[in-house]
Amino acid sequence: MADGQLFKPDKDFSKEADKVIPEAQELAKDNVQAALEKLGGLEKSARQASDLASTSRCLVAIVTICKDSGDWPLLNEQVLLLSKKHGQLKQATTKMVQVAMGFINDAPTPEKKLSIIETLRTVTEGKIFVEVERARVTRILSNMKKEQGDLNSAADILCELQVETFGSMERREKTEFILEQVALCIEKGDWTQAGILSRKIGTKFFARKPKKTPEELDKEKKDREEQEKTRRPEDPPLEKEDDVTDLKLRYYEQQITLAKHDDKYLDICKHYRQVLDTQSVEDTPEQLHAVLQRVVYYVILAPHDNEQSDLLHRINTDSRNALVPEEQRLLKQFTIPELMRWPVIAETYGPHLTSTDVFSATVDESDPKAHTRWQDLRKRVIEHNVRVVAKYYTRIRFPRLTQLLDLDEEETESYISQLVTAKTVYAKIDRPNRVVTFAKTRKPDEVLNEWSGSVKGLLGLLERIDHLITKEEMMARIQPAKEVKAN
């Protein structure tokens, strides 16, 4: 009995329960203690006989009587006492805890509410069969602490739960718990812990599922009915297919907040692309317009590398960009190897970009990073221009380079140095002669190998041409003979 296994009852006490429980409830109106003693005898007999149904009814009746009498200390005492009874049935304890949880909101004062919560946490501590109930009670306690303004305690209490290990909790509820843990850590300012907790959620859970045919739906319904028939009471509940769009949007909103804190622009762009792949967003023009804008903004703001360049060109081919023409034109300029003069960009796109919450031409107290993003946009334009110059020039004088980049010499040297360090471009600066060289100095072996390869390719082409000429000559000789034979 104590290990939670289900046995056939030695005796059925349902008739005694039908008689004793109403009598005890009536007696409790005048003498609560006598009613509890009456129910206690029946509970003991049912428990020893492994009568789960009658034991559960007795436990529920006892805690209900204590609650109806308004004696909350007695309720706490009985919950603790009943849970510690020798050989107490686990399923009966679970039922009692679930009923007692329903009394939390009926507590007349915060102190009494806190006392019943702590009692239930004590009863459920370290017991797998009531792990879900413990998590829910802990969540209520965390919300109480948050309402009282104690954000640190609220986060610590909720984050101690390892809900991802709970086999009896549905996946949706697990995800809700983790999202709430991450939200508390973000409010608290514990960005490291928030990032660790958010990685417990698998994004495959949010993947858009293809629409099913009526035949597939019928088959799935029949399979589920068969599983329900063979399911045992101690087995975890079957997962139901549920719309998780709300959880998906909450998750990616948190991920965007975390990425913004660390200025990880490419990650922000990827998260917005996941939000874009949501039916509710696609069906709402306002949301679709805003998300498309931010996908473009953050892929442009991301530092240049192979991944960023590939994503940039893929986003540029998205037909939905026609809904945001200003952003589409700006994005296209980053995909073609032509110079972008920052003064022209600022004048053309500045009023539109700074009207959004992403960019700001001045330092804004509400979002100081908006001005930082505006400066980063200028940096990306200049870096694009440097890459374009490096593509078309092998050597260029400093005055001409500063003129093309619209920068002074010191700033020009700084940007070139950063790109060389990041191995985006190759460059050498000759300060005395004020010349920048973008072409790599090749060793004699490299030049000779290249010349040898070119000669080999040329000889191959000549050999191919000779073969084709010979083939044409042979065909020309054969043609007249065929015509004579035909005549």
Protein backbone atom coordinates (compact mmCIF):
# COMPACT_ATOMS: atom_id res chain seq x y z
CA MET A 1 0.00 0.00 0.00
CA ALA A 2 2.74 2.44 0.94
CA ASP A 3 4.53 2.25 -2.40
CA GLY A 4 1.48 3.53 -4.28
CA GLN A 5 0.57 0.25 -6.00
CA LEU A 6 -3.13 -0.42 -6.48
CA PHE A 7 -4.50 -3.51 -4.74
CA LYS A 8 -7.96 -4.98 -4.70
CA PRO A 9 -9.63 -3.75 -1.49
CA ASP A 10 -9.91 -6.35 1.28
CA LYS A 11 -13.29 -4.85 2.12
CA ASP A 12 -15.56 -2.24 0.54
CA PHE A 13 -16.46 0.55 2.97
CA SER A 14 -18.52 2.57 0.51
CA LYS A 15 -21.81 1.87 2.34
CA GLU A 16 -20.29 2.88 5.69
CA ALA A 17 -18.91 6.02 4.05
CA ASP A 18 -22.34 6.87 2.61
CA LYS A 19 -23.73 6.70 6.14
CA VAL A 20 -20.93 8.12 8.32
CA ILE A 21 -19.84 11.12 6.18
CA PRO A 22 -23.28 12.86 6.16
CA GLU A 23 -23.63 12.18 9.91
CA ALA A 24 -20.20 13.65 10.59
CA GLN A 25 -20.98 16.73 8.47
CA GLU A 26 -24.14 17.30 10.47
CA LEU A 27 -22.32 16.73 13.76
CA ALA A 28 -19.61 19.19 12.77
CA LYS A 29 -22.10 22.06 13.00
CA ASP A 30 -22.04 21.65 16.81
CA ASN A 31 -18.89 19.67 17.59
CA VAL A 32 -16.08 19.65 15.02
CA GLN A 33 -13.76 17.50 17.12
CA ALA A 34 -16.33 14.74 17.55
CA ALA A 35 -17.03 14.75 13.80
CA LEU A 36 -13.31 14.39 13.04
CA GLU A 37 -13.00 11.49 15.48
CA LYS A 38 -15.95 9.75 13.85
CA LEU A 39 -14.44 10.14 10.38
CA GLY A 40 -11.00 9.17 11.69
CA GLY A 41 -12.19 5.69 12.68
CA LEU A 42 -13.73 5.07 9.28
CA GLU A 43 -10.62 6.44 7.51
CA LYS A 44 -8.38 4.06 9.45
CA SER A 45 -10.52 1.02 8.62
CA ALA A 46 -10.72 1.95 4.91
CA ARG A 47 -6.98 2.66 4.74
CA GLN A 48 -6.03 -0.64 6.30
CA ALA A 49 -8.35 -2.45 3.89
CA SER A 50 -6.79 -0.61 0.89
CA ASP A 51 -10.18 0.88 -0.02
CA LEU A 52 -8.95 3.83 -2.05
CA ALA A 53 -12.35 5.31 -2.89
CA SER A 54 -13.60 5.35 0.72
CA THR A 55 -10.25 6.56 2.09
CA SER A 56 -10.22 9.46 -0.38
CA ARG A 57 -13.79 10.40 0.56
CA CYS A 58 -12.89 10.41 4.25
CA LEU A 59 -9.80 12.59 3.75
CA VAL A 60 -11.73 15.06 1.62
CA ALA A 61 -14.58 15.17 4.16
CA ILE A 62 -12.17 15.84 7.06
CA VAL A 63 -10.37 18.76 5.40
CA THR A 64 -13.69 20.17 4.13
CA ILE A 65 -15.16 20.15 7.64
CA CYS A 66 -12.07 21.94 9.00
CA LYS A 67 -12.33 24.58 6.28
CA ASP A 68 -16.09 25.10 6.73
CA SER A 69 -15.59 25.57 10.47
CA GLY A 70 -13.16 28.43 9.77
CA ASP A 71 -10.47 26.81 11.94
CA TRP A 72 -7.46 27.17 9.61
CA PRO A 73 -4.86 25.99 12.17
CA LEU A 74 -6.92 22.80 12.59
CA LEU A 75 -7.03 22.39 8.80
CA ASN A 76 -3.23 22.64 8.60
CA GLU A 77 -2.87 20.18 11.45
CA GLN A 78 -5.21 17.62 9.87
CA VAL A 79 -3.56 17.84 6.44
CA LEU A 80 -0.15 17.15 7.99
CA LEU A 81 -1.50 14.38 10.24
CA LEU A 82 -3.44 12.55 7.52
CA SER A 83 -0.51 12.62 5.10
CA LYS A 84 1.74 10.96 7.70
CA LYS A 85 -0.62 8.08 8.55
CA HIS A 86 1.04 4.68 8.32
CA GLY A 87 0.35 3.05 4.97
CA GLN A 88 -1.53 6.06 3.66
CA LEU A 89 -2.56 5.56 0.05
CA LYS A 90 -0.75 7.88 -2.32
CA GLN A 91 -3.77 8.48 -4.54
CA ALA A 92 -5.84 9.42 -1.48
CA THR A 93 -3.16 11.89 -0.37
CA THR A 94 -3.11 13.39 -3.87
CA LYS A 95 -6.89 13.85 -3.78
CA MET A 96 -6.72 15.50 -0.35
CA VAL A 97 -3.98 17.89 -1.48
CA GLN A 98 -5.94 18.83 -4.60
CA VAL A 99 -9.03 19.64 -2.54
CA ALA A 100 -7.00 21.62 0.02
CA MET A 101 -5.46 23.64 -2.82
CA GLY A 102 -8.98 24.80 -3.70
CA PHE A 103 -9.26 26.36 -0.23
CA ILE A 104 -6.27 28.70 -0.71
CA ASN A 105 -8.25 31.51 -2.31
CA ASP A 106 -10.93 31.25 0.43
CA ALA A 107 -8.46 32.12 3.20
CA PRO A 108 -9.72 35.29 4.97
CA THR A 109 -6.27 36.83 5.58
CA PRO A 110 -2.90 36.69 3.81
CA GLU A 111 -1.37 35.10 6.91
CA LYS A 112 -3.82 32.18 6.86
CA LYS A 113 -3.40 31.86 3.11
CA LEU A 114 0.36 31.66 3.57
CA SER A 115 -0.04 29.07 6.34
CA ILE A 116 -2.08 26.65 4.19
CA ILE A 117 0.39 27.13 1.32
CA GLU A 118 3.36 26.29 3.55
CA THR A 119 1.49 23.27 4.93
CA LEU A 120 0.82 21.93 1.45
CA ARG A 121 4.45 22.55 0.44
CA THR A 122 5.59 20.60 3.48
CA VAL A 123 3.23 17.70 2.72
CA THR A 124 4.28 17.51 -0.94
CA GLU A 125 8.02 17.97 -0.45
CA GLY A 126 10.06 15.14 -1.97
CA LYS A 127 7.00 13.16 -3.12
CA ILE A 128 6.85 12.41 -6.84
CA PHE A 129 3.15 11.52 -6.82
CA VAL A 130 2.24 15.10 -5.81
CA GLU A 131 5.00 16.92 -7.71
CA VAL A 132 2.52 18.70 -9.99
CA GLU A 133 0.46 19.90 -7.02
CA ARG A 134 3.62 21.13 -5.28
CA ALA A 135 4.60 23.07 -8.41
CA ARG A 136 1.19 24.74 -8.59
CA VAL A 137 1.22 25.67 -4.90
CA THR A 138 4.74 27.05 -5.25
CA ARG A 139 3.57 29.14 -8.20
CA ILE A 140 0.80 30.65 -6.05
CA LEU A 141 3.36 31.45 -3.32
CA SER A 142 5.66 33.07 -5.88
CA ASN A 143 2.81 35.24 -7.17
CA MET A 144 2.05 36.34 -3.60
CA LYS A 145 5.65 37.39 -3.06
CA LYS A 146 5.64 39.26 -6.37
CA GLU A 147 2.46 41.14 -5.43
CA GLN A 148 4.10 42.11 -2.15
CA GLY A 149 7.02 43.59 -4.10
CA ASP A 150 9.56 40.94 -3.05
CA LEU A 151 10.74 40.10 -6.56
CA ASN A 152 13.93 38.31 -5.44
CA SER A 153 12.02 35.88 -3.21
CA ALA A 154 9.41 35.28 -5.92
CA ALA A 155 12.11 34.38 -8.44
CA ASP A 156 14.06 32.18 -5.99
CA ILE A 157 10.94 30.26 -4.92
CA LEU A 158 9.73 29.56 -8.45
CA CYS A 159 13.15 28.86 -9.99
CA GLU A 160 13.90 26.08 -7.50
CA LEU A 161 11.35 23.92 -9.35
CA GLN A 162 12.83 21.59 -11.96
CA VAL A 163 9.55 21.16 -13.83
CA GLU A 164 11.25 19.78 -16.93
CA THR A 165 11.81 16.53 -14.98
CA PHE A 166 8.12 16.12 -14.01
CA GLY A 167 6.75 13.16 -15.94
CA SER A 168 3.15 13.66 -14.80
CA MET A 169 2.89 17.29 -15.93
CA GLU A 170 1.65 18.14 -19.42
CA ARG A 171 4.14 19.79 -21.74
CA ARG A 172 2.09 22.95 -22.09
CA GLU A 173 2.03 23.50 -18.33
CA LYS A 174 5.77 22.79 -18.11
CA THR A 175 6.40 25.44 -20.76
CA GLU A 176 4.21 27.95 -18.93
CA PHE A 177 6.17 27.37 -15.71
CA ILE A 178 9.54 27.84 -17.43
CA LEU A 179 8.35 30.97 -19.23
CA GLU A 180 7.23 32.41 -15.91
CA GLN A 181 10.61 31.55 -14.36
CA VAL A 182 12.41 33.33 -17.22
CA ALA A 183 10.09 36.36 -16.92
CA LEU A 184 10.88 36.70 -13.19
CA CYS A 185 14.62 36.45 -13.84
CA ILE A 186 14.38 39.17 -16.50
CA GLU A 187 12.45 41.45 -14.13
CA LYS A 188 14.98 40.71 -11.44
CA GLY A 189 17.85 41.52 -13.83
CA ASP A 190 19.43 38.06 -13.62
CA TRP A 191 20.13 37.74 -17.35
CA THR A 192 22.48 34.77 -17.03
CA GLN A 193 19.92 32.65 -15.16
CA ALA A 194 17.19 33.71 -17.59
CA GLY A 195 19.29 32.49 -20.52
CA ILE A 196 19.99 29.15 -18.82
CA LEU A 197 16.32 28.55 -18.01
CA SER A 198 15.11 29.50 -21.49
CA ARG A 199 17.29 26.77 -23.02
CA LYS A 200 15.15 24.16 -21.24
CA ILE A 201 12.37 24.79 -23.78
CA GLY A 202 12.69 22.89 -27.06
CA THR A 203 11.63 25.02 -30.02
CA LYS A 204 10.29 21.96 -31.87
CA PHE A 205 7.29 22.24 -29.55
CA PHE A 206 6.39 25.50 -31.33
CA ALA A 207 6.88 24.25 -34.89
CA ARG A 208 3.94 24.89 -37.16
CA LYS A 209 2.19 21.62 -37.89
CA PRO A 210 0.76 20.97 -41.38
CA LYS A 211 -3.01 20.87 -41.71
CA LYS A 212 -4.40 17.36 -41.37
CA THR A 213 -6.92 15.73 -43.67
CA PRO A 214 -10.27 14.51 -42.26
CA GLU A 215 -9.02 10.93 -42.62
CA GLU A 216 -5.93 11.68 -40.54
CA LEU A 217 -8.04 13.39 -37.88
CA ASP A 218 -10.39 10.40 -37.64
CA LYS A 219 -7.47 7.98 -37.36
CA GLU A 220 -5.87 10.13 -34.66
CA LYS A 221 -9.13 10.24 -32.70
CA LYS A 222 -9.49 6.44 -32.84
CA ASP A 223 -5.86 5.94 -31.73
CA ARG A 224 -6.42 8.28 -28.80
CA GLU A 225 -9.55 6.41 -27.73
CA GLU A 226 -7.61 3.14 -27.80
CA GLN A 227 -4.83 4.66 -25.68
CA GLU A 228 -7.39 5.93 -23.17
CA LYS A 229 -8.86 2.44 -22.82
CA THR A 230 -5.48 0.84 -22.05
CA ARG A 231 -4.21 3.69 -19.84
CA ARG A 232 -3.70 2.89 -16.15
CA PRO A 233 -4.58 5.41 -13.39
CA GLU A 234 -0.93 5.84 -12.37
CA ASP A 235 0.18 6.58 -15.95
CA PRO A 236 0.87 10.21 -16.90
CA PRO A 237 -1.96 11.97 -18.77
CA LEU A 238 -1.96 11.74 -22.54
CA GLU A 239 -0.62 14.82 -24.30
CA LYS A 240 -3.33 16.71 -26.14
CA GLU A 241 -2.68 18.61 -29.32
CA ASP A 242 -3.17 22.21 -28.34
CA ASP A 243 -2.68 25.56 -30.00
CA VAL A 244 0.63 26.80 -28.57
CA THR A 245 0.74 30.08 -30.50
CA ASP A 246 0.45 32.12 -27.28
CA LEU A 247 3.37 30.23 -25.71
CA LYS A 248 5.43 30.58 -28.89
CA LEU A 249 4.95 34.37 -29.00
CA ARG A 250 5.78 34.69 -25.28
CA TYR A 251 8.89 32.56 -25.69
CA TYR A 252 10.27 34.51 -28.64
CA GLU A 253 9.40 37.82 -26.98
CA GLN A 254 11.60 36.78 -24.06
CA GLN A 255 14.35 35.57 -26.40
CA ILE A 256 14.30 38.92 -28.21
CA THR A 257 14.56 40.73 -24.87
CA LEU A 258 17.56 38.60 -23.87
CA ALA A 259 19.26 39.09 -27.25
CA LYS A 260 18.64 42.85 -27.14
CA HIS A 261 20.33 43.04 -23.75
CA ASP A 262 23.51 41.51 -25.26
CA ASP A 263 23.16 43.37 -28.63
CA LYS A 264 23.02 40.06 -30.52
CA TYR A 265 21.40 41.47 -33.64
CA LEU A 266 21.59 38.32 -35.75
CA ASP A 267 19.86 36.30 -33.02
CA ILE A 268 17.15 38.95 -32.76
CA CYS A 269 16.58 38.71 -36.52
CA LYS A 270 16.28 34.91 -36.31
CA HIS A 271 13.77 35.18 -33.46
CA TYR A 272 11.65 37.66 -35.41
CA ARG A 273 11.71 35.28 -38.39
CA GLN A 274 10.27 32.58 -36.13
CA VAL A 275 7.56 35.01 -35.01
CA LEU A 276 6.92 35.72 -38.69
CA ASP A 277 6.29 32.00 -39.22
CA THR A 278 3.10 32.15 -37.12
CA GLN A 279 -0.40 31.99 -38.55
CA SER A 280 -1.86 34.62 -36.21
CA VAL A 281 0.90 37.09 -37.15
CA GLU A 282 0.45 36.45 -40.87
CA ASP A 283 -3.29 37.05 -40.52
CA THR A 284 -2.84 40.39 -38.70
CA PRO A 285 -1.58 43.12 -41.09
CA GLU A 286 -0.31 45.40 -38.29
CA GLN A 287 1.74 42.67 -36.64
CA LEU A 288 3.02 41.38 -39.97
CA HIS A 289 4.17 44.88 -40.99
CA ALA A 290 5.98 45.46 -37.67
CA VAL A 291 7.72 42.07 -37.69
CA LEU A 292 8.84 42.42 -41.32
CA GLN A 293 10.39 45.79 -40.47
CA ARG A 294 12.34 44.37 -37.54
CA VAL A 295 13.57 41.38 -39.52
CA VAL A 296 15.13 43.80 -42.01
CA TYR A 297 16.49 46.19 -39.36
CA TYR A 298 18.28 43.57 -37.32
CA VAL A 299 19.78 41.60 -40.21
CA ILE A 300 21.27 44.89 -41.43
CA LEU A 301 22.57 45.73 -37.95
CA ALA A 302 24.25 42.33 -37.53
CA PRO A 303 28.04 42.28 -38.08
CA HIS A 304 29.04 40.97 -41.49
CA ASP A 305 30.03 37.31 -41.77
CA ASN A 306 29.08 34.35 -43.95
CA GLU A 307 25.94 33.54 -41.97
CA GLN A 308 24.77 37.16 -41.92
CA SER A 309 25.42 37.56 -45.65
CA ASP A 310 23.50 34.39 -46.49
CA LEU A 311 20.53 35.41 -44.31
CA LEU A 312 20.59 38.92 -45.78
CA HIS A 313 20.21 37.61 -49.34
CA ARG A 314 17.52 35.11 -48.34
CA ILE A 315 15.49 37.83 -46.63
CA ASN A 316 15.93 40.03 -49.70
CA THR A 317 14.11 37.40 -51.83
CA ASP A 318 11.05 37.31 -49.52
CA SER A 319 8.05 38.53 -51.53
CA ARG A 320 6.39 39.87 -48.36
CA ASN A 321 8.96 42.67 -48.21
CA ALA A 322 6.72 44.53 -50.67
CA LEU A 323 4.59 45.41 -47.64
CA VAL A 324 7.50 47.49 -46.27
CA PRO A 325 8.86 49.33 -49.35
CA GLU A 326 11.21 51.66 -47.44
CA GLU A 327 12.92 48.77 -45.68
CA GLN A 328 13.00 46.76 -48.91
CA ARG A 329 14.94 49.51 -50.72
CA LEU A 330 17.39 49.88 -47.84
CA LEU A 331 17.93 46.12 -47.67
CA LYS A 332 18.57 45.89 -51.40
CA GLN A 333 21.36 48.46 -51.17
CA PHE A 334 23.24 46.15 -48.80
CA THR A 335 23.04 43.29 -51.31
CA ILE A 336 24.69 45.08 -54.26
CA PRO A 337 28.41 46.01 -54.39
CA GLU A 338 27.92 49.76 -54.66
CA LEU A 339 28.91 52.60 -52.37
CA MET A 340 26.31 53.90 -49.89
CA ARG A 341 27.07 57.45 -48.81
CA TRP A 342 26.05 57.77 -45.15
CA PRO A 343 24.86 61.41 -45.45
CA VAL A 344 22.53 60.34 -48.28
CA ILE A 345 21.30 57.29 -46.34
CA ALA A 346 20.65 59.38 -43.23
CA GLU A 347 18.77 61.99 -45.23
CA THR A 348 16.73 59.48 -47.25
CA TYR A 349 15.83 56.90 -44.60
CA GLY A 350 16.57 58.75 -41.34
CA PRO A 351 13.11 60.31 -40.71
CA HIS A 352 11.38 56.96 -41.32
CA LEU A 353 13.81 54.84 -39.30
CA THR A 354 13.97 57.15 -36.28
CA SER A 355 10.17 57.24 -36.13
CA THR A 356 10.25 53.58 -35.01
CA ASP A 357 11.20 52.31 -31.54
CA VAL A 358 14.26 50.54 -32.98
CA PHE A 359 16.29 53.63 -33.90
CA SER A 360 16.71 57.09 -32.43
CA ALA A 361 18.93 59.89 -33.70
CA THR A 362 19.35 61.19 -30.14
CA VAL A 363 19.87 59.53 -26.77
CA ASP A 364 16.46 58.52 -25.42
CA GLU A 365 16.06 57.85 -21.70
CA SER A 366 13.26 55.33 -22.29
CA ASP A 367 15.51 53.22 -24.57
CA PRO A 368 19.14 54.41 -24.62
CA LYS A 369 20.07 51.51 -26.92
CA ALA A 370 17.91 52.97 -29.72
CA HIS A 371 20.59 55.63 -30.29
CA THR A 372 23.28 52.94 -30.10
CA ARG A 373 21.49 51.03 -32.87
CA TRP A 374 21.44 54.19 -35.01
CA GLN A 375 25.19 54.49 -34.58
CA ASP A 376 25.59 50.79 -35.40
CA LEU A 377 23.63 51.33 -38.62
CA ARG A 378 26.12 54.03 -39.61
CA LYS A 379 28.94 51.61 -38.81
CA ARG A 380 27.41 48.89 -41.02
CA VAL A 381 27.06 51.34 -43.93
CA ILE A 382 30.71 52.36 -43.61
CA GLU A 383 31.87 48.73 -43.33
CA HIS A 384 29.85 47.92 -46.47
CA ASN A 385 31.59 50.78 -48.27
CA VAL A 386 35.03 49.55 -47.18
CA ARG A 387 34.27 46.07 -48.54
CA VAL A 388 33.12 47.61 -51.84
CA VAL A 389 36.30 49.68 -52.12
CA ALA A 390 38.40 46.60 -51.30
CA LYS A 391 36.65 44.74 -54.11
CA TYR A 392 37.36 47.33 -56.82
CA TYR A 393 40.73 48.77 -55.72
CA THR A 394 44.09 47.11 -55.18
CA ARG A 395 45.73 50.40 -54.01
CA ILE A 396 44.13 53.70 -53.13
CA ARG A 397 45.39 56.94 -51.65
CA PHE A 398 44.12 58.04 -48.28
CA PRO A 399 42.56 61.37 -49.39
CA ARG A 400 40.51 59.58 -52.04
CA LEU A 401 39.48 56.83 -49.61
CA THR A 402 38.32 59.31 -46.98
CA GLN A 403 36.34 61.11 -49.68
CA LEU A 404 34.59 57.89 -50.72
CA LEU A 405 33.80 56.90 -47.12
CA ASP A 406 32.84 60.42 -45.96
CA LEU A 407 35.18 60.08 -42.96
CA ASP A 408 38.32 61.76 -41.63
CA GLU A 409 41.64 59.93 -41.78
CA GLU A 410 41.62 58.79 -38.15
CA GLU A 411 38.14 57.26 -38.39
CA THR A 412 38.94 55.68 -41.75
CA GLU A 413 42.03 53.98 -40.31
CA SER A 414 39.99 52.78 -37.33
CA TYR A 415 37.31 51.11 -39.49
CA ILE A 416 39.89 49.47 -41.78
CA SER A 417 41.76 48.13 -38.75
CA GLN A 418 38.56 46.64 -37.30
CA LEU A 419 37.69 44.89 -40.54
CA VAL A 420 41.24 43.57 -40.94
CA THR A 421 41.15 42.24 -37.37
CA ALA A 422 37.80 40.54 -38.09
CA LYS A 423 39.39 39.10 -41.29
CA THR A 424 36.60 40.61 -43.37
CA VAL A 425 39.05 42.35 -45.71
CA TYR A 426 42.79 42.28 -46.31
CA ALA A 427 44.53 45.66 -46.14
CA LYS A 428 47.89 47.26 -45.39
CA ILE A 429 48.29 50.94 -44.58
CA ASP A 430 51.43 52.79 -45.70
CA ARG A 431 51.33 55.87 -43.50
CA PRO A 432 54.35 57.75 -44.89
CA ASN A 433 53.05 57.44 -48.45
CA ARG A 434 49.41 57.65 -47.31
CA VAL A 435 48.41 54.64 -49.37
CA VAL A 436 46.15 51.70 -48.53
CA THR A 437 46.80 48.39 -50.30
CA PHE A 438 43.93 45.89 -50.49
CA ALA A 439 45.66 43.29 -52.68
CA LYS A 440 47.59 40.52 -50.98
CA THR A 441 51.31 40.33 -51.76
CA ARG A 442 51.73 36.92 -53.31
CA LYS A 443 54.82 34.77 -53.09
CA PRO A 444 56.66 33.77 -56.28
CA ASP A 445 55.51 30.17 -55.87
CA GLU A 446 51.87 31.30 -55.83
CA VAL A 447 52.33 33.43 -58.96
CA LEU A 448 54.12 30.58 -60.75
CA ASN A 449 51.42 28.09 -59.76
CA GLU A 450 48.73 30.42 -61.01
CA TRP A 451 50.60 30.94 -64.33
CA SER A 452 51.08 27.18 -64.68
CA GLY A 453 47.40 26.59 -64.05
CA SER A 454 46.42 29.24 -66.60
CA VAL A 455 48.75 27.76 -69.26
CA LYS A 456 47.38 24.28 -68.52
CA GLY A 457 43.84 25.56 -68.95
CA LEU A 458 44.78 27.32 -72.20
CA LEU A 459 46.37 24.15 -73.64
CA GLY A 460 43.30 22.19 -72.68
CA LEU A 461 41.09 24.63 -74.58
CA LEU A 462 43.39 24.45 -77.65
CA GLU A 463 43.27 20.67 -77.58
CA ARG A 464 39.48 20.75 -77.36
CA ILE A 465 39.28 23.18 -80.31
CA ASP A 466 41.62 20.98 -82.39
CA HIS A 467 39.44 17.97 -81.67
CA LEU A 468 36.28 19.83 -82.74
CA ILE A 469 37.93 21.10 -85.96
CA THR A 470 39.05 17.55 -86.84
CA LYS A 471 35.55 16.27 -86.16
CA GLU A 472 34.02 18.89 -88.48
CA GLU A 473 36.50 18.06 -91.26
CA MET A 474 35.67 14.35 -91.04
CA MET A 475 31.94 15.09 -91.16
CA ALA A 476 32.50 17.32 -94.21
CA ARG A 477 34.30 14.48 -96.08
CA ILE A 478 31.59 11.94 -95.24
CA GLN A 479 28.67 14.16 -96.34
CA PRO A 480 29.31 14.15 -100.19
CA ALA A 481 29.76 10.36 -100.22
CA LYS A 482 26.38 9.89 -98.60
CA GLU A 483 24.71 12.17 -101.19
CA VAL A 484 26.28 10.22 -104.17
CA LYS A 485 25.13 6.92 -102.74
CA ALA A 486 21.60 8.28 -102.30
CA ASN A 487 21.46 9.32 -105.99
